[in-house]
Amino acid sequence: QVQLVESGGGLVQPGGSLRLSCAASGISFKIYEMGWYRQAPGDQRELVASIASYGNTNYADSVKGRFTISRDNAKNTVYLHMNSLKPEDTAVYYCYVFRLGRNTWGQGTQVTVSS
């Protein structure tokens, strides 16, 4: 059974940094696309960043230059490094793995950017 467990969210001031982690189990981690979505209250879930099995990355325009996605296949973990955080980055961040034609989601971790 696939399980994704996110960690690293919290409250941070504007301009600050956070690192989110997503530990995967129950899958052959290294062969799948992984990534992060986020959802703010009243908004649809939106893709933040993705990383392919071979390392190719993709970012939403709103986070380019500020966020970096990476993966450690030895640890079955994907990371989202978030710098220069803005209040509009406030959301629940969800890790996903794309396999068998669909996304499987983690439980989400809250990120709040506020002074």
N, C-alpha and C. Protein backbone atom coordinates (compact mmCIF):
# COMPACT_ATOMS: atom_id res chain seq x y z
N GLN A 1 0.84 -1.19 0.00
CA GLN A 1 0.00 0.00 0.00
C GLN A 1 0.88 1.24 0.00
N VAL A 2 0.53 2.18 -0.88
CA VAL A 2 1.31 3.41 -0.99
C VAL A 2 0.98 4.34 0.17
N GLN A 3 2.01 4.89 0.77
CA GLN A 3 1.82 5.86 1.83
C GLN A 3 2.79 7.02 1.64
N LEU A 4 2.26 8.24 1.73
CA LEU A 4 3.06 9.45 1.63
C LEU A 4 2.86 10.25 2.91
N VAL A 5 3.96 10.61 3.55
CA VAL A 5 3.87 11.35 4.80
C VAL A 5 4.67 12.64 4.68
N GLU A 6 3.94 13.77 4.74
CA GLU A 6 4.58 15.07 4.63
C GLU A 6 4.98 15.60 6.01
N SER A 7 5.98 16.44 6.02
CA SER A 7 6.40 17.13 7.24
C SER A 7 7.11 18.43 6.86
N GLY A 8 7.27 19.30 7.85
CA GLY A 8 8.06 20.51 7.62
C GLY A 8 7.26 21.79 7.50
N GLY A 9 5.94 21.69 7.51
CA GLY A 9 5.13 22.91 7.44
C GLY A 9 5.19 23.70 8.74
N GLY A 10 4.58 24.88 8.72
CA GLY A 10 4.54 25.70 9.92
C GLY A 10 4.27 27.15 9.61
N LEU A 11 4.51 27.99 10.60
CA LEU A 11 4.32 29.43 10.48
C LEU A 11 5.67 30.10 10.25
N VAL A 12 5.74 30.95 9.24
CA VAL A 12 6.98 31.64 8.92
C VAL A 12 6.65 33.07 8.52
N GLN A 13 7.57 33.98 8.78
CA GLN A 13 7.37 35.37 8.40
C GLN A 13 7.63 35.56 6.92
N PRO A 14 7.03 36.58 6.32
CA PRO A 14 7.33 36.89 4.92
C PRO A 14 8.84 37.06 4.72
N GLY A 15 9.31 36.48 3.61
CA GLY A 15 10.74 36.50 3.33
C GLY A 15 11.50 35.33 3.90
N GLY A 16 10.84 34.54 4.72
CA GLY A 16 11.49 33.39 5.36
C GLY A 16 11.52 32.17 4.47
N SER A 17 12.02 31.08 5.06
CA SER A 17 12.21 29.83 4.32
C SER A 17 11.65 28.65 5.10
N LEU A 18 11.26 27.64 4.37
CA LEU A 18 10.85 26.36 4.95
C LEU A 18 11.28 25.26 3.99
N ARG A 19 11.47 24.06 4.55
CA ARG A 19 11.69 22.89 3.73
C ARG A 19 10.65 21.84 4.06
N LEU A 20 9.88 21.46 3.06
CA LEU A 20 8.91 20.39 3.21
C LEU A 20 9.55 19.07 2.79
N SER A 21 9.18 18.00 3.48
CA SER A 21 9.63 16.66 3.15
C SER A 21 8.43 15.75 2.94
N CYS A 22 8.59 14.78 2.07
CA CYS A 22 7.56 13.78 1.82
C CYS A 22 8.23 12.42 1.71
N ALA A 23 7.98 11.59 2.70
CA ALA A 23 8.56 10.25 2.73
C ALA A 23 7.55 9.26 2.16
N ALA A 24 8.00 8.48 1.19
CA ALA A 24 7.13 7.52 0.52
C ALA A 24 7.46 6.10 0.94
N SER A 25 6.43 5.27 1.00
CA SER A 25 6.63 3.85 1.26
C SER A 25 5.62 3.07 0.44
N GLY A 26 5.95 1.81 0.21
CA GLY A 26 5.04 0.94 -0.53
C GLY A 26 5.14 1.03 -2.04
N ILE A 27 6.14 1.77 -2.54
CA ILE A 27 6.32 1.88 -3.98
C ILE A 27 7.81 1.81 -4.33
N SER A 28 8.09 1.53 -5.59
CA SER A 28 9.45 1.65 -6.10
C SER A 28 9.69 3.11 -6.43
N PHE A 29 10.05 3.85 -5.41
CA PHE A 29 10.05 5.32 -5.43
C PHE A 29 10.75 5.91 -6.65
N LYS A 30 11.90 5.37 -6.99
CA LYS A 30 12.76 6.04 -7.95
C LYS A 30 12.21 6.05 -9.38
N ILE A 31 11.18 5.27 -9.67
CA ILE A 31 10.71 5.19 -11.05
C ILE A 31 9.52 6.10 -11.32
N TYR A 32 9.04 6.80 -10.29
CA TYR A 32 7.82 7.59 -10.45
C TYR A 32 8.05 9.09 -10.36
N GLU A 33 7.20 9.83 -11.07
CA GLU A 33 7.12 11.26 -10.90
C GLU A 33 6.53 11.58 -9.53
N MET A 34 7.15 12.55 -8.86
CA MET A 34 6.68 13.02 -7.56
C MET A 34 6.48 14.53 -7.64
N GLY A 35 5.78 15.09 -6.68
CA GLY A 35 5.64 16.54 -6.69
C GLY A 35 4.80 17.06 -5.56
N TRP A 36 4.50 18.35 -5.69
CA TRP A 36 3.73 19.06 -4.65
C TRP A 36 2.64 19.90 -5.31
N TYR A 37 1.46 19.82 -4.72
CA TYR A 37 0.37 20.73 -5.01
C TYR A 37 0.11 21.55 -3.74
N ARG A 38 -0.66 22.60 -3.89
CA ARG A 38 -1.11 23.35 -2.72
C ARG A 38 -2.54 23.81 -2.93
N GLN A 39 -3.21 24.03 -1.81
CA GLN A 39 -4.60 24.49 -1.86
C GLN A 39 -4.84 25.49 -0.75
N ALA A 40 -5.19 26.71 -1.15
CA ALA A 40 -5.56 27.75 -0.19
C ALA A 40 -7.08 27.72 0.02
N PRO A 41 -7.56 28.23 1.13
CA PRO A 41 -9.01 28.23 1.37
C PRO A 41 -9.77 28.90 0.24
N GLY A 42 -10.79 28.22 -0.28
CA GLY A 42 -11.61 28.77 -1.34
C GLY A 42 -11.03 28.63 -2.73
N ASP A 43 -9.81 28.10 -2.83
CA ASP A 43 -9.16 27.96 -4.12
C ASP A 43 -9.08 26.49 -4.54
N GLN A 44 -8.84 26.30 -5.84
CA GLN A 44 -8.61 24.94 -6.32
C GLN A 44 -7.17 24.52 -6.00
N ARG A 45 -6.98 23.21 -5.94
CA ARG A 45 -5.62 22.70 -5.74
C ARG A 45 -4.81 23.00 -6.99
N GLU A 46 -3.59 23.51 -6.79
CA GLU A 46 -2.74 23.88 -7.94
C GLU A 46 -1.38 23.22 -7.81
N LEU A 47 -0.82 22.89 -8.97
CA LEU A 47 0.51 22.29 -9.00
C LEU A 47 1.55 23.34 -8.64
N VAL A 48 2.43 22.99 -7.73
CA VAL A 48 3.54 23.87 -7.34
C VAL A 48 4.82 23.45 -8.06
N ALA A 49 5.16 22.18 -7.97
CA ALA A 49 6.39 21.69 -8.58
C ALA A 49 6.31 20.19 -8.74
N SER A 50 7.01 19.68 -9.75
CA SER A 50 7.10 18.25 -9.96
C SER A 50 8.52 17.89 -10.34
N ILE A 51 8.85 16.61 -10.11
CA ILE A 51 10.16 16.11 -10.48
C ILE A 51 10.00 14.71 -11.04
N ALA A 52 10.53 14.52 -12.23
CA ALA A 52 10.42 13.22 -12.89
C ALA A 52 11.43 12.23 -12.31
N SER A 53 11.26 10.97 -12.67
CA SER A 53 12.14 9.94 -12.15
C SER A 53 13.60 10.21 -12.51
N TYR A 54 13.81 10.81 -13.68
CA TYR A 54 15.16 11.09 -14.15
C TYR A 54 15.66 12.47 -13.72
N GLY A 55 14.82 13.20 -12.94
CA GLY A 55 15.26 14.46 -12.35
C GLY A 55 14.78 15.73 -13.00
N ASN A 56 14.11 15.63 -14.13
CA ASN A 56 13.60 16.83 -14.78
C ASN A 56 12.54 17.48 -13.88
N THR A 57 12.60 18.80 -13.77
CA THR A 57 11.70 19.51 -12.86
C THR A 57 10.79 20.48 -13.61
N ASN A 58 9.68 20.78 -12.96
CA ASN A 58 8.70 21.72 -13.52
C ASN A 58 8.14 22.53 -12.36
N TYR A 59 7.95 23.85 -12.59
CA TYR A 59 7.47 24.74 -11.53
C TYR A 59 6.32 25.62 -12.01
N ALA A 60 5.45 25.95 -11.09
CA ALA A 60 4.45 26.98 -11.36
C ALA A 60 5.17 28.32 -11.51
N ASP A 61 4.63 29.17 -12.37
CA ASP A 61 5.27 30.47 -12.59
C ASP A 61 5.38 31.27 -11.29
N SER A 62 4.42 31.11 -10.41
CA SER A 62 4.38 31.90 -9.18
C SER A 62 5.49 31.55 -8.20
N VAL A 63 6.15 30.41 -8.39
CA VAL A 63 7.20 30.00 -7.44
C VAL A 63 8.57 29.88 -8.09
N LYS A 64 8.65 30.06 -9.39
CA LYS A 64 9.94 29.95 -10.08
C LYS A 64 10.96 30.93 -9.48
N GLY A 65 12.14 30.42 -9.24
CA GLY A 65 13.19 31.25 -8.67
C GLY A 65 13.17 31.32 -7.15
N ARG A 66 12.10 30.83 -6.54
CA ARG A 66 11.99 30.86 -5.07
C ARG A 66 11.94 29.45 -4.47
N PHE A 67 11.30 28.52 -5.17
CA PHE A 67 11.14 27.16 -4.67
C PHE A 67 12.03 26.21 -5.49
N THR A 68 12.51 25.18 -4.83
CA THR A 68 13.30 24.14 -5.49
C THR A 68 12.81 22.79 -5.03
N ILE A 69 12.51 21.92 -6.00
CA ILE A 69 12.12 20.56 -5.68
C ILE A 69 13.31 19.64 -5.90
N SER A 70 13.45 18.66 -5.02
CA SER A 70 14.54 17.69 -5.17
C SER A 70 14.06 16.35 -4.63
N ARG A 71 14.81 15.30 -4.96
CA ARG A 71 14.45 13.98 -4.48
C ARG A 71 15.70 13.23 -4.08
N ASP A 72 15.55 12.38 -3.07
CA ASP A 72 16.63 11.51 -2.63
C ASP A 72 16.10 10.09 -2.75
N ASN A 73 16.48 9.41 -3.82
CA ASN A 73 15.93 8.07 -4.07
C ASN A 73 16.39 7.05 -3.04
N ALA A 74 17.53 7.30 -2.44
CA ALA A 74 18.02 6.37 -1.41
C ALA A 74 17.16 6.45 -0.14
N LYS A 75 16.55 7.61 0.09
CA LYS A 75 15.71 7.81 1.27
C LYS A 75 14.22 7.79 0.95
N ASN A 76 13.88 7.55 -0.32
CA ASN A 76 12.47 7.55 -0.74
C ASN A 76 11.77 8.84 -0.33
N THR A 77 12.44 9.95 -0.52
CA THR A 77 11.93 11.22 -0.03
C THR A 77 12.04 12.30 -1.11
N VAL A 78 11.02 13.12 -1.20
CA VAL A 78 11.04 14.29 -2.07
C VAL A 78 10.93 15.52 -1.19
N TYR A 79 11.63 16.57 -1.58
CA TYR A 79 11.69 17.80 -0.79
C TYR A 79 11.19 18.99 -1.60
N LEU A 80 10.70 19.97 -0.88
CA LEU A 80 10.37 21.26 -1.48
C LEU A 80 11.02 22.34 -0.63
N HIS A 81 12.06 22.96 -1.19
CA HIS A 81 12.76 24.03 -0.51
C HIS A 81 12.09 25.34 -0.92
N MET A 82 11.58 26.08 0.06
CA MET A 82 10.82 27.30 -0.22
C MET A 82 11.54 28.49 0.40
N ASN A 83 11.94 29.41 -0.46
CA ASN A 83 12.62 30.63 -0.01
C ASN A 83 11.78 31.85 -0.38
N SER A 84 12.12 32.98 0.23
CA SER A 84 11.43 34.25 -0.06
C SER A 84 9.92 34.08 -0.02
N LEU A 85 9.45 33.44 1.02
CA LEU A 85 8.02 33.14 1.12
C LEU A 85 7.18 34.40 1.23
N LYS A 86 6.01 34.33 0.62
CA LYS A 86 5.06 35.44 0.58
C LYS A 86 3.75 35.02 1.25
N PRO A 87 2.97 35.97 1.72
CA PRO A 87 1.67 35.61 2.30
C PRO A 87 0.80 34.80 1.35
N GLU A 88 0.92 35.04 0.06
CA GLU A 88 0.12 34.29 -0.91
C GLU A 88 0.58 32.86 -1.08
N ASP A 89 1.66 32.47 -0.47
CA ASP A 89 2.09 31.07 -0.46
C ASP A 89 1.38 30.27 0.63
N THR A 90 0.61 30.94 1.47
CA THR A 90 -0.13 30.26 2.52
C THR A 90 -1.13 29.28 1.93
N ALA A 91 -1.03 28.03 2.36
CA ALA A 91 -1.88 26.97 1.82
C ALA A 91 -1.56 25.66 2.54
N VAL A 92 -2.38 24.66 2.28
CA VAL A 92 -2.03 23.29 2.64
C VAL A 92 -1.26 22.71 1.45
N TYR A 93 -0.10 22.17 1.72
CA TYR A 93 0.75 21.60 0.68
C TYR A 93 0.64 20.07 0.71
N TYR A 94 0.35 19.51 -0.47
CA TYR A 94 0.15 18.08 -0.60
C TYR A 94 1.23 17.47 -1.49
N CYS A 95 1.82 16.43 -1.01
CA CYS A 95 2.75 15.63 -1.81
C CYS A 95 1.94 14.64 -2.65
N TYR A 96 2.45 14.31 -3.83
CA TYR A 96 1.78 13.29 -4.63
C TYR A 96 2.81 12.42 -5.34
N VAL A 97 2.37 11.23 -5.72
CA VAL A 97 3.11 10.36 -6.63
C VAL A 97 2.18 10.02 -7.78
N PHE A 98 2.69 10.11 -8.99
CA PHE A 98 1.91 9.78 -10.18
C PHE A 98 2.25 8.37 -10.63
N ARG A 99 1.31 7.47 -10.47
CA ARG A 99 1.52 6.08 -10.87
C ARG A 99 0.19 5.48 -11.27
N LEU A 100 0.25 4.54 -12.19
CA LEU A 100 -0.95 3.84 -12.67
C LEU A 100 -1.99 4.84 -13.18
N GLY A 101 -1.52 5.92 -13.79
CA GLY A 101 -2.41 6.88 -14.42
C GLY A 101 -3.11 7.86 -13.51
N ARG A 102 -2.73 7.92 -12.26
CA ARG A 102 -3.38 8.86 -11.36
C ARG A 102 -2.44 9.28 -10.23
N ASN A 103 -2.83 10.34 -9.52
CA ASN A 103 -2.07 10.81 -8.37
C ASN A 103 -2.55 10.13 -7.10
N THR A 104 -1.61 9.76 -6.26
CA THR A 104 -1.90 9.36 -4.89
C THR A 104 -1.36 10.46 -3.99
N TRP A 105 -2.15 10.84 -2.98
CA TRP A 105 -1.84 12.03 -2.20
C TRP A 105 -1.42 11.71 -0.77
N GLY A 106 -0.60 12.61 -0.22
CA GLY A 106 -0.36 12.59 1.21
C GLY A 106 -1.48 13.33 1.92
N GLN A 107 -1.32 13.46 3.25
CA GLN A 107 -2.39 14.06 4.06
C GLN A 107 -2.33 15.58 4.07
N GLY A 108 -1.22 16.14 3.63
CA GLY A 108 -1.07 17.58 3.57
C GLY A 108 -0.38 18.16 4.78
N THR A 109 0.29 19.28 4.58
CA THR A 109 0.94 19.99 5.68
C THR A 109 0.68 21.49 5.49
N GLN A 110 0.31 22.16 6.57
CA GLN A 110 -0.06 23.57 6.49
C GLN A 110 1.18 24.44 6.48
N VAL A 111 1.20 25.39 5.54
CA VAL A 111 2.22 26.43 5.50
C VAL A 111 1.50 27.77 5.64
N THR A 112 1.90 28.55 6.63
CA THR A 112 1.30 29.86 6.86
C THR A 112 2.40 30.91 6.85
N VAL A 113 2.26 31.89 5.97
CA VAL A 113 3.25 32.96 5.87
C VAL A 113 2.58 34.24 6.36
N SER A 114 3.02 34.70 7.50
CA SER A 114 2.38 35.86 8.13
C SER A 114 3.33 36.51 9.11
N SER A 115 3.19 37.81 9.24
CA SER A 115 3.98 38.53 10.23
C SER A 115 3.18 38.69 11.53
